[in-house]
């Protein structure tokens, strides 16, 4: 199992260019049109060059995020969980 740590929380309009393809991929999967003010969390997957994207307005609680990551064979570290909870 991989560990996901917070790479950052950004508004889409302020998103670093390197994360753009990951956000567009996740938006396509969710059939979502990304807006400039969407708040997006980028999780870095330890031991890989991959990132997991969370559109924070898609979740009502932290359990939904941990379940999604479990399906991706990842778990979130405690510090990241606390920060994400503050943004939900």
PDB file of N, CA and C in Angstrom:
ATOM      1  N   UNK A   1       0.843  -1.180   0.000  1.00  0.00           N
ATOM      2  CA  UNK A   1       0.000   0.000   0.000  1.00  0.00           C
ATOM      3  C   UNK A   1       0.889   1.244   0.000  1.00  0.00           C
ATOM      4  N   UNK A   2       0.495   2.226  -0.777  1.00  0.00           N
ATOM      5  CA  UNK A   2       1.228   3.484  -0.892  1.00  0.00           C
ATOM      6  C   UNK A   2       0.715   4.497   0.128  1.00  0.00           C
ATOM      7  N   UNK A   3       1.532   5.486   0.426  1.00  0.00           N
ATOM      8  CA  UNK A   3       1.140   6.561   1.330  1.00  0.00           C
ATOM      9  C   UNK A   3       0.964   7.835   0.514  1.00  0.00           C
ATOM     10  N   UNK A   4      -0.158   8.506   0.730  1.00  0.00           N
ATOM     11  CA  UNK A   4      -0.451   9.767   0.045  1.00  0.00           C
ATOM     12  C   UNK A   4      -0.208  10.923   1.009  1.00  0.00           C
ATOM     13  N   UNK A   5       0.609  11.867   0.583  1.00  0.00           N
ATOM     14  CA  UNK A   5       0.866  13.058   1.389  1.00  0.00           C
ATOM     15  C   UNK A   5       0.447  14.290   0.598  1.00  0.00           C
ATOM     16  N   UNK A   6       0.052  15.305   1.300  1.00  0.00           N
ATOM     17  CA  UNK A   6      -0.458  16.507   0.652  1.00  0.00           C
ATOM     18  C   UNK A   6       0.646  17.239  -0.093  1.00  0.00           C
ATOM     19  N   UNK A   7       0.433  17.423  -1.385  1.00  0.00           N
ATOM     20  CA  UNK A   7       1.350  18.214  -2.203  1.00  0.00           C
ATOM     21  C   UNK A   7       0.936  19.676  -2.209  1.00  0.00           C
ATOM     22  N   UNK A   8      -0.354  19.921  -1.982  1.00  0.00           N
ATOM     23  CA  UNK A   8      -0.856  21.287  -1.938  1.00  0.00           C
ATOM     24  C   UNK A   8      -2.351  21.334  -2.187  1.00  0.00           C
ATOM     25  N   UNK A   9      -2.932  22.445  -1.778  1.00  0.00           N
ATOM     26  CA  UNK A   9      -4.341  22.734  -2.064  1.00  0.00           C
ATOM     27  C   UNK A   9      -4.362  24.038  -2.834  1.00  0.00           C
ATOM     28  N   UNK A  10      -4.984  24.006  -3.998  1.00  0.00           N
ATOM     29  CA  UNK A  10      -4.947  25.140  -4.915  1.00  0.00           C
ATOM     30  C   UNK A  10      -6.331  25.440  -5.460  1.00  0.00           C
ATOM     31  N   UNK A  11      -6.553  26.684  -5.813  1.00  0.00           N
ATOM     32  CA  UNK A  11      -7.663  27.032  -6.698  1.00  0.00           C
ATOM     33  C   UNK A  11      -7.198  26.627  -8.097  1.00  0.00           C
ATOM     34  N   UNK A  12      -8.117  26.192  -8.945  1.00  0.00           N
ATOM     35  CA  UNK A  12      -7.728  25.737 -10.279  1.00  0.00           C
ATOM     36  C   UNK A  12      -6.931  26.800 -11.021  1.00  0.00           C
ATOM     37  N   UNK A  13      -7.336  28.060 -10.888  1.00  0.00           N
ATOM     38  CA  UNK A  13      -6.644  29.131 -11.609  1.00  0.00           C
ATOM     39  C   UNK A  13      -5.203  29.316 -11.133  1.00  0.00           C
ATOM     40  N   UNK A  14      -4.873  28.846  -9.920  1.00  0.00           N
ATOM     41  CA  UNK A  14      -3.531  28.984  -9.357  1.00  0.00           C
ATOM     42  C   UNK A  14      -2.737  27.681  -9.393  1.00  0.00           C
ATOM     43  N   UNK A  15      -3.288  26.671 -10.008  1.00  0.00           N
ATOM     44  CA  UNK A  15      -2.674  25.344 -10.031  1.00  0.00           C
ATOM     45  C   UNK A  15      -1.349  25.363 -10.791  1.00  0.00           C
ATOM     46  N   UNK A  16      -0.275  24.834 -10.202  1.00  0.00           N
ATOM     47  CA  UNK A  16       0.988  24.730 -10.945  1.00  0.00           C
ATOM     48  C   UNK A  16       0.798  23.875 -12.203  1.00  0.00           C
ATOM     49  N   UNK A  17       1.444  24.283 -13.255  1.00  0.00           N
ATOM     50  CA  UNK A  17       1.273  23.657 -14.564  1.00  0.00           C
ATOM     51  C   UNK A  17       1.549  22.151 -14.542  1.00  0.00           C
ATOM     52  N   UNK A  18       2.472  21.710 -13.718  1.00  0.00           N
ATOM     53  CA  UNK A  18       2.844  20.297 -13.676  1.00  0.00           C
ATOM     54  C   UNK A  18       1.680  19.385 -13.264  1.00  0.00           C
ATOM     55  N   UNK A  19       0.692  19.933 -12.547  1.00  0.00           N
ATOM     56  CA  UNK A  19      -0.444  19.139 -12.099  1.00  0.00           C
ATOM     57  C   UNK A  19      -1.608  19.149 -13.087  1.00  0.00           C
ATOM     58  N   UNK A  20      -1.541  19.991 -14.089  1.00  0.00           N
ATOM     59  CA  UNK A  20      -2.636  20.139 -15.052  1.00  0.00           C
ATOM     60  C   UNK A  20      -3.120  18.840 -15.661  1.00  0.00           C
ATOM     61  N   UNK A  21      -2.227  17.985 -16.176  1.00  0.00           N
ATOM     62  CA  UNK A  21      -2.705  16.736 -16.784  1.00  0.00           C
ATOM     63  C   UNK A  21      -3.432  15.815 -15.798  1.00  0.00           C
ATOM     64  N   UNK A  22      -2.986  15.794 -14.549  1.00  0.00           N
ATOM     65  CA  UNK A  22      -3.641  14.964 -13.541  1.00  0.00           C
ATOM     66  C   UNK A  22      -5.055  15.480 -13.250  1.00  0.00           C
ATOM     67  N   UNK A  23      -5.184  16.799 -13.166  1.00  0.00           N
ATOM     68  CA  UNK A  23      -6.492  17.399 -12.891  1.00  0.00           C
ATOM     69  C   UNK A  23      -7.431  17.160 -14.062  1.00  0.00           C
ATOM     70  N   UNK A  24      -6.946  17.335 -15.282  1.00  0.00           N
ATOM     71  CA  UNK A  24      -7.793  17.117 -16.450  1.00  0.00           C
ATOM     72  C   UNK A  24      -8.230  15.655 -16.546  1.00  0.00           C
ATOM     73  N   UNK A  25      -7.330  14.729 -16.218  1.00  0.00           N
ATOM     74  CA  UNK A  25      -7.665  13.309 -16.242  1.00  0.00           C
ATOM     75  C   UNK A  25      -8.778  13.008 -15.233  1.00  0.00           C
ATOM     76  N   UNK A  26      -8.631  13.511 -14.011  1.00  0.00           N
ATOM     77  CA  UNK A  26      -9.640  13.271 -12.974  1.00  0.00           C
ATOM     78  C   UNK A  26     -10.966  13.932 -13.364  1.00  0.00           C
ATOM     79  N   UNK A  27     -10.910  15.121 -13.944  1.00  0.00           N
ATOM     80  CA  UNK A  27     -12.133  15.805 -14.381  1.00  0.00           C
ATOM     81  C   UNK A  27     -12.849  14.985 -15.448  1.00  0.00           C
ATOM     82  N   UNK A  28     -12.099  14.376 -16.343  1.00  0.00           N
ATOM     83  CA  UNK A  28     -12.689  13.542 -17.388  1.00  0.00           C
ATOM     84  C   UNK A  28     -13.372  12.321 -16.781  1.00  0.00           C
ATOM     85  N   UNK A  29     -12.718  11.695 -15.817  1.00  0.00           N
ATOM     86  CA  UNK A  29     -13.291  10.528 -15.156  1.00  0.00           C
ATOM     87  C   UNK A  29     -14.603  10.890 -14.457  1.00  0.00           C
ATOM     88  N   UNK A  30     -14.627  12.056 -13.816  1.00  0.00           N
ATOM     89  CA  UNK A  30     -15.818  12.489 -13.084  1.00  0.00           C
ATOM     90  C   UNK A  30     -16.826  13.225 -13.962  1.00  0.00           C
ATOM     91  N   UNK A  31     -16.510  13.340 -15.259  1.00  0.00           N
ATOM     92  CA  UNK A  31     -17.374  14.064 -16.184  1.00  0.00           C
ATOM     93  C   UNK A  31     -17.679  15.459 -15.637  1.00  0.00           C
ATOM     94  N   UNK A  32     -16.617  16.163 -15.306  1.00  0.00           N
ATOM     95  CA  UNK A  32     -16.715  17.451 -14.619  1.00  0.00           C
ATOM     96  C   UNK A  32     -16.018  18.527 -15.441  1.00  0.00           C
ATOM     97  N   UNK A  33     -16.630  19.693 -15.473  1.00  0.00           N
ATOM     98  CA  UNK A  33     -15.981  20.851 -16.078  1.00  0.00           C
ATOM     99  C   UNK A  33     -15.361  21.670 -14.945  1.00  0.00           C
ATOM    100  N   UNK A  34     -14.053  21.826 -15.000  1.00  0.00           N
ATOM    101  CA  UNK A  34     -13.336  22.492 -13.918  1.00  0.00           C
ATOM    102  C   UNK A  34     -13.513  24.000 -14.028  1.00  0.00           C
ATOM    103  N   UNK A  35     -13.833  24.620 -12.897  1.00  0.00           N
ATOM    104  CA  UNK A  35     -13.998  26.073 -12.818  1.00  0.00           C
ATOM    105  C   UNK A  35     -12.767  26.694 -12.155  1.00  0.00           C
ATOM    106  N   UNK A  36     -12.476  27.950 -12.459  1.00  0.00           N
ATOM    107  CA  UNK A  36     -11.309  28.633 -11.911  1.00  0.00           C
ATOM    108  C   UNK A  36     -11.258  28.630 -10.388  1.00  0.00           C
ATOM    109  N   UNK A  37     -12.420  28.697  -9.729  1.00  0.00           N
ATOM    110  CA  UNK A  37     -12.446  28.773  -8.271  1.00  0.00           C
ATOM    111  C   UNK A  37     -12.573  27.412  -7.583  1.00  0.00           C
ATOM    112  N   UNK A  38     -12.557  26.314  -8.347  1.00  0.00           N
ATOM    113  CA  UNK A  38     -12.607  24.989  -7.731  1.00  0.00           C
ATOM    114  C   UNK A  38     -11.379  24.782  -6.859  1.00  0.00           C
ATOM    115  N   UNK A  39     -11.600  24.290  -5.643  1.00  0.00           N
ATOM    116  CA  UNK A  39     -10.504  24.003  -4.723  1.00  0.00           C
ATOM    117  C   UNK A  39     -10.081  22.550  -4.933  1.00  0.00           C
ATOM    118  N   UNK A  40      -8.795  22.376  -5.216  1.00  0.00           N
ATOM    119  CA  UNK A  40      -8.263  21.074  -5.599  1.00  0.00           C
ATOM    120  C   UNK A  40      -7.105  20.712  -4.682  1.00  0.00           C
ATOM    121  N   UNK A  41      -7.171  19.504  -4.114  1.00  0.00           N
ATOM    122  CA  UNK A  41      -6.052  18.997  -3.325  1.00  0.00           C
ATOM    123  C   UNK A  41      -5.252  18.043  -4.210  1.00  0.00           C
ATOM    124  N   UNK A  42      -3.948  18.192  -4.169  1.00  0.00           N
ATOM    125  CA  UNK A  42      -3.045  17.308  -4.885  1.00  0.00           C
ATOM    126  C   UNK A  42      -2.323  16.459  -3.849  1.00  0.00           C
ATOM    127  N   UNK A  43      -2.476  15.146  -3.953  1.00  0.00           N
ATOM    128  CA  UNK A  43      -1.791  14.232  -3.060  1.00  0.00           C
ATOM    129  C   UNK A  43      -0.650  13.571  -3.815  1.00  0.00           C
ATOM    130  N   UNK A  44       0.534  13.610  -3.238  1.00  0.00           N
ATOM    131  CA  UNK A  44       1.691  12.938  -3.823  1.00  0.00           C
ATOM    132  C   UNK A  44       1.709  11.502  -3.319  1.00  0.00           C
ATOM    133  N   UNK A  45       1.856  10.559  -4.217  1.00  0.00           N
ATOM    134  CA  UNK A  45       1.882   9.151  -3.852  1.00  0.00           C
ATOM    135  C   UNK A  45       3.341   8.752  -3.656  1.00  0.00           C
ATOM    136  N   UNK A  46       3.702   8.491  -2.399  1.00  0.00           N
ATOM    137  CA  UNK A  46       5.080   8.190  -2.033  1.00  0.00           C
ATOM    138  C   UNK A  46       5.591   6.962  -2.782  1.00  0.00           C
ATOM    139  N   UNK A  47       6.803   7.074  -3.281  1.00  0.00           N
ATOM    140  CA  UNK A  47       7.425   5.965  -3.993  1.00  0.00           C
ATOM    141  C   UNK A  47       7.086   5.914  -5.463  1.00  0.00           C
ATOM    142  N   UNK A  48       6.299   6.890  -5.939  1.00  0.00           N
ATOM    143  CA  UNK A  48       5.928   6.955  -7.357  1.00  0.00           C
ATOM    144  C   UNK A  48       6.075   8.393  -7.831  1.00  0.00           C
ATOM    145  N   UNK A  49       5.901   8.579  -9.116  1.00  0.00           N
ATOM    146  CA  UNK A  49       5.870   9.929  -9.684  1.00  0.00           C
ATOM    147  C   UNK A  49       4.430  10.367  -9.906  1.00  0.00           C
ATOM    148  N   UNK A  50       3.497   9.681  -9.270  1.00  0.00           N
ATOM    149  CA  UNK A  50       2.081   9.915  -9.505  1.00  0.00           C
ATOM    150  C   UNK A  50       1.482  10.841  -8.451  1.00  0.00           C
ATOM    151  N   UNK A  51       0.355  11.427  -8.827  1.00  0.00           N
ATOM    152  CA  UNK A  51      -0.392  12.310  -7.940  1.00  0.00           C
ATOM    153  C   UNK A  51      -1.859  11.899  -7.986  1.00  0.00           C
ATOM    154  N   UNK A  52      -2.545  12.097  -6.869  1.00  0.00           N
ATOM    155  CA  UNK A  52      -3.980  11.831  -6.813  1.00  0.00           C
ATOM    156  C   UNK A  52      -4.680  13.170  -6.626  1.00  0.00           C
ATOM    157  N   UNK A  53      -5.689  13.415  -7.434  1.00  0.00           N
ATOM    158  CA  UNK A  53      -6.403  14.693  -7.425  1.00  0.00           C
ATOM    159  C   UNK A  53      -7.725  14.545  -6.693  1.00  0.00           C
ATOM    160  N   UNK A  54      -8.009  15.520  -5.825  1.00  0.00           N
ATOM    161  CA  UNK A  54      -9.287  15.564  -5.120  1.00  0.00           C
ATOM    162  C   UNK A  54      -9.949  16.906  -5.379  1.00  0.00           C
ATOM    163  N   UNK A  55     -11.132  16.893  -5.995  1.00  0.00           N
ATOM    164  CA  UNK A  55     -11.945  18.103  -6.086  1.00  0.00           C
ATOM    165  C   UNK A  55     -12.687  18.183  -4.759  1.00  0.00           C
ATOM    166  N   UNK A  56     -12.277  19.079  -3.892  1.00  0.00           N
ATOM    167  CA  UNK A  56     -12.742  19.060  -2.509  1.00  0.00           C
ATOM    168  C   UNK A  56     -14.246  19.246  -2.361  1.00  0.00           C
ATOM    169  N   UNK A  57     -14.900  19.908  -3.310  1.00  0.00           N
ATOM    170  CA  UNK A  57     -16.351  20.075  -3.184  1.00  0.00           C
ATOM    171  C   UNK A  57     -17.121  18.784  -3.502  1.00  0.00           C
ATOM    172  N   UNK A  58     -16.409  17.732  -3.894  1.00  0.00           N
ATOM    173  CA  UNK A  58     -17.045  16.451  -4.202  1.00  0.00           C
ATOM    174  C   UNK A  58     -17.217  15.560  -2.974  1.00  0.00           C
ATOM    175  N   UNK A  59     -16.704  15.993  -1.838  1.00  0.00           N
ATOM    176  CA  UNK A  59     -16.697  15.145  -0.644  1.00  0.00           C
ATOM    177  C   UNK A  59     -17.429  15.824   0.506  1.00  0.00           C
ATOM    178  N   UNK A  60     -18.206  15.020   1.247  1.00  0.00           N
ATOM    179  CA  UNK A  60     -18.882  15.539   2.433  1.00  0.00           C
ATOM    180  C   UNK A  60     -18.075  15.282   3.703  1.00  0.00           C
ATOM    181  N   UNK A  61     -17.215  14.247   3.669  1.00  0.00           N
ATOM    182  CA  UNK A  61     -16.428  13.925   4.851  1.00  0.00           C
ATOM    183  C   UNK A  61     -15.128  13.224   4.461  1.00  0.00           C
ATOM    184  N   UNK A  62     -14.243  13.111   5.431  1.00  0.00           N
ATOM    185  CA  UNK A  62     -12.916  12.541   5.191  1.00  0.00           C
ATOM    186  C   UNK A  62     -12.992  11.049   4.880  1.00  0.00           C
ATOM    187  N   UNK A  63     -14.027  10.378   5.368  1.00  0.00           N
ATOM    188  CA  UNK A  63     -14.177   8.948   5.101  1.00  0.00           C
ATOM    189  C   UNK A  63     -14.321   8.660   3.607  1.00  0.00           C
ATOM    190  N   UNK A  64     -14.983   9.547   2.888  1.00  0.00           N
ATOM    191  CA  UNK A  64     -15.129   9.372   1.438  1.00  0.00           C
ATOM    192  C   UNK A  64     -13.768   9.442   0.742  1.00  0.00           C
ATOM    193  N   UNK A  65     -12.911  10.320   1.232  1.00  0.00           N
ATOM    194  CA  UNK A  65     -11.572  10.444   0.652  1.00  0.00           C
ATOM    195  C   UNK A  65     -10.744   9.204   0.965  1.00  0.00           C
ATOM    196  N   UNK A  66     -10.772   8.750   2.213  1.00  0.00           N
ATOM    197  CA  UNK A  66      -9.973   7.572   2.568  1.00  0.00           C
ATOM    198  C   UNK A  66     -10.455   6.337   1.806  1.00  0.00           C
ATOM    199  N   UNK A  67     -11.756   6.233   1.568  1.00  0.00           N
ATOM    200  CA  UNK A  67     -12.295   5.105   0.805  1.00  0.00           C
ATOM    201  C   UNK A  67     -11.820   5.159  -0.650  1.00  0.00           C
ATOM    202  N   UNK A  68     -11.844   6.344  -1.246  1.00  0.00           N
ATOM    203  CA  UNK A  68     -11.371   6.501  -2.626  1.00  0.00           C
ATOM    204  C   UNK A  68      -9.901   6.117  -2.741  1.00  0.00           C
ATOM    205  N   UNK A  69      -9.115   6.529  -1.772  1.00  0.00           N
ATOM    206  CA  UNK A  69      -7.688   6.202  -1.805  1.00  0.00           C
ATOM    207  C   UNK A  69      -7.437   4.722  -1.557  1.00  0.00           C
ATOM    208  N   UNK A  70      -8.261   4.110  -0.732  1.00  0.00           N
ATOM    209  CA  UNK A  70      -8.116   2.672  -0.486  1.00  0.00           C
ATOM    210  C   UNK A  70      -8.286   1.903  -1.796  1.00  0.00           C
ATOM    211  N   UNK A  71      -9.225   2.358  -2.624  1.00  0.00           N
ATOM    212  CA  UNK A  71      -9.443   1.731  -3.932  1.00  0.00           C
ATOM    213  C   UNK A  71      -8.231   1.907  -4.841  1.00  0.00           C
ATOM    214  N   UNK A  72      -7.431   2.955  -4.591  1.00  0.00           N
ATOM    215  CA  UNK A  72      -6.217   3.203  -5.362  1.00  0.00           C
ATOM    216  C   UNK A  72      -4.988   2.606  -4.673  1.00  0.00           C
ATOM    217  N   UNK A  73      -5.218   1.763  -3.665  1.00  0.00           N
ATOM    218  CA  UNK A  73      -4.155   1.115  -2.902  1.00  0.00           C
ATOM    219  C   UNK A  73      -3.243   2.126  -2.217  1.00  0.00           C
ATOM    220  N   UNK A  74      -3.867   3.154  -1.637  1.00  0.00           N
ATOM    221  CA  UNK A  74      -3.106   4.192  -0.924  1.00  0.00           C
ATOM    222  C   UNK A  74      -3.841   4.560   0.361  1.00  0.00           C
ATOM    223  N   UNK A  75      -3.080   5.075   1.303  1.00  0.00           N
ATOM    224  CA  UNK A  75      -3.684   5.616   2.515  1.00  0.00           C
ATOM    225  C   UNK A  75      -3.068   6.987   2.765  1.00  0.00           C
ATOM    226  N   UNK A  76      -3.821   7.814   3.473  1.00  0.00           N
ATOM    227  CA  UNK A  76      -3.408   9.194   3.711  1.00  0.00           C
ATOM    228  C   UNK A  76      -2.725   9.286   5.063  1.00  0.00           C
ATOM    229  N   UNK A  77      -1.630  10.035   5.141  1.00  0.00           N
ATOM    230  CA  UNK A  77      -0.991  10.202   6.448  1.00  0.00           C
ATOM    231  C   UNK A  77      -1.838  11.124   7.327  1.00  0.00           C
ATOM    232  N   UNK A  78      -1.602  11.068   8.628  1.00  0.00           N
ATOM    233  CA  UNK A  78      -2.431  11.779   9.613  1.00  0.00           C
ATOM    234  C   UNK A  78      -2.417  13.294   9.401  1.00  0.00           C
ATOM    235  N   UNK A  79      -1.255  13.868   9.148  1.00  0.00           N
ATOM    236  CA  UNK A  79      -1.159  15.318   8.950  1.00  0.00           C
ATOM    237  C   UNK A  79      -2.013  15.756   7.766  1.00  0.00           C
ATOM    238  N   UNK A  80      -1.928  15.008   6.683  1.00  0.00           N
ATOM    239  CA  UNK A  80      -2.723  15.323   5.492  1.00  0.00           C
ATOM    240  C   UNK A  80      -4.210  15.208   5.798  1.00  0.00           C
ATOM    241  N   UNK A  81      -4.600  14.169   6.535  1.00  0.00           N
ATOM    242  CA  UNK A  81      -6.014  14.011   6.907  1.00  0.00           C
ATOM    243  C   UNK A  81      -6.536  15.224   7.663  1.00  0.00           C
ATOM    244  N   UNK A  82      -5.766  15.698   8.618  1.00  0.00           N
ATOM    245  CA  UNK A  82      -6.185  16.853   9.438  1.00  0.00           C
ATOM    246  C   UNK A  82      -6.348  18.102   8.568  1.00  0.00           C
ATOM    247  N   UNK A  83      -5.429  18.321   7.654  1.00  0.00           N
ATOM    248  CA  UNK A  83      -5.508  19.489   6.769  1.00  0.00           C
ATOM    249  C   UNK A  83      -6.728  19.375   5.863  1.00  0.00           C
ATOM    250  N   UNK A  84      -6.943  18.205   5.272  1.00  0.00           N
ATOM    251  CA  UNK A  84      -8.090  18.012   4.388  1.00  0.00           C
ATOM    252  C   UNK A  84      -9.405  18.196   5.131  1.00  0.00           C
ATOM    253  N   UNK A  85      -9.470  17.701   6.363  1.00  0.00           N
ATOM    254  CA  UNK A  85     -10.684  17.867   7.169  1.00  0.00           C
ATOM    255  C   UNK A  85     -11.038  19.345   7.339  1.00  0.00           C
ATOM    256  N   UNK A  86     -10.015  20.172   7.486  1.00  0.00           N
ATOM    257  CA  UNK A  86     -10.229  21.597   7.645  1.00  0.00           C
ATOM    258  C   UNK A  86     -10.757  22.279   6.387  1.00  0.00           C
ATOM    259  N   UNK A  87     -10.612  21.618   5.243  1.00  0.00           N
ATOM    260  CA  UNK A  87     -11.059  22.213   3.978  1.00  0.00           C
ATOM    261  C   UNK A  87     -12.398  21.655   3.497  1.00  0.00           C
ATOM    262  N   UNK A  88     -12.911  20.646   4.200  1.00  0.00           N
ATOM    263  CA  UNK A  88     -14.201  20.066   3.764  1.00  0.00           C
ATOM    264  C   UNK A  88     -15.354  20.792   4.402  1.00  0.00           C
TER     265      UNK A  88
END
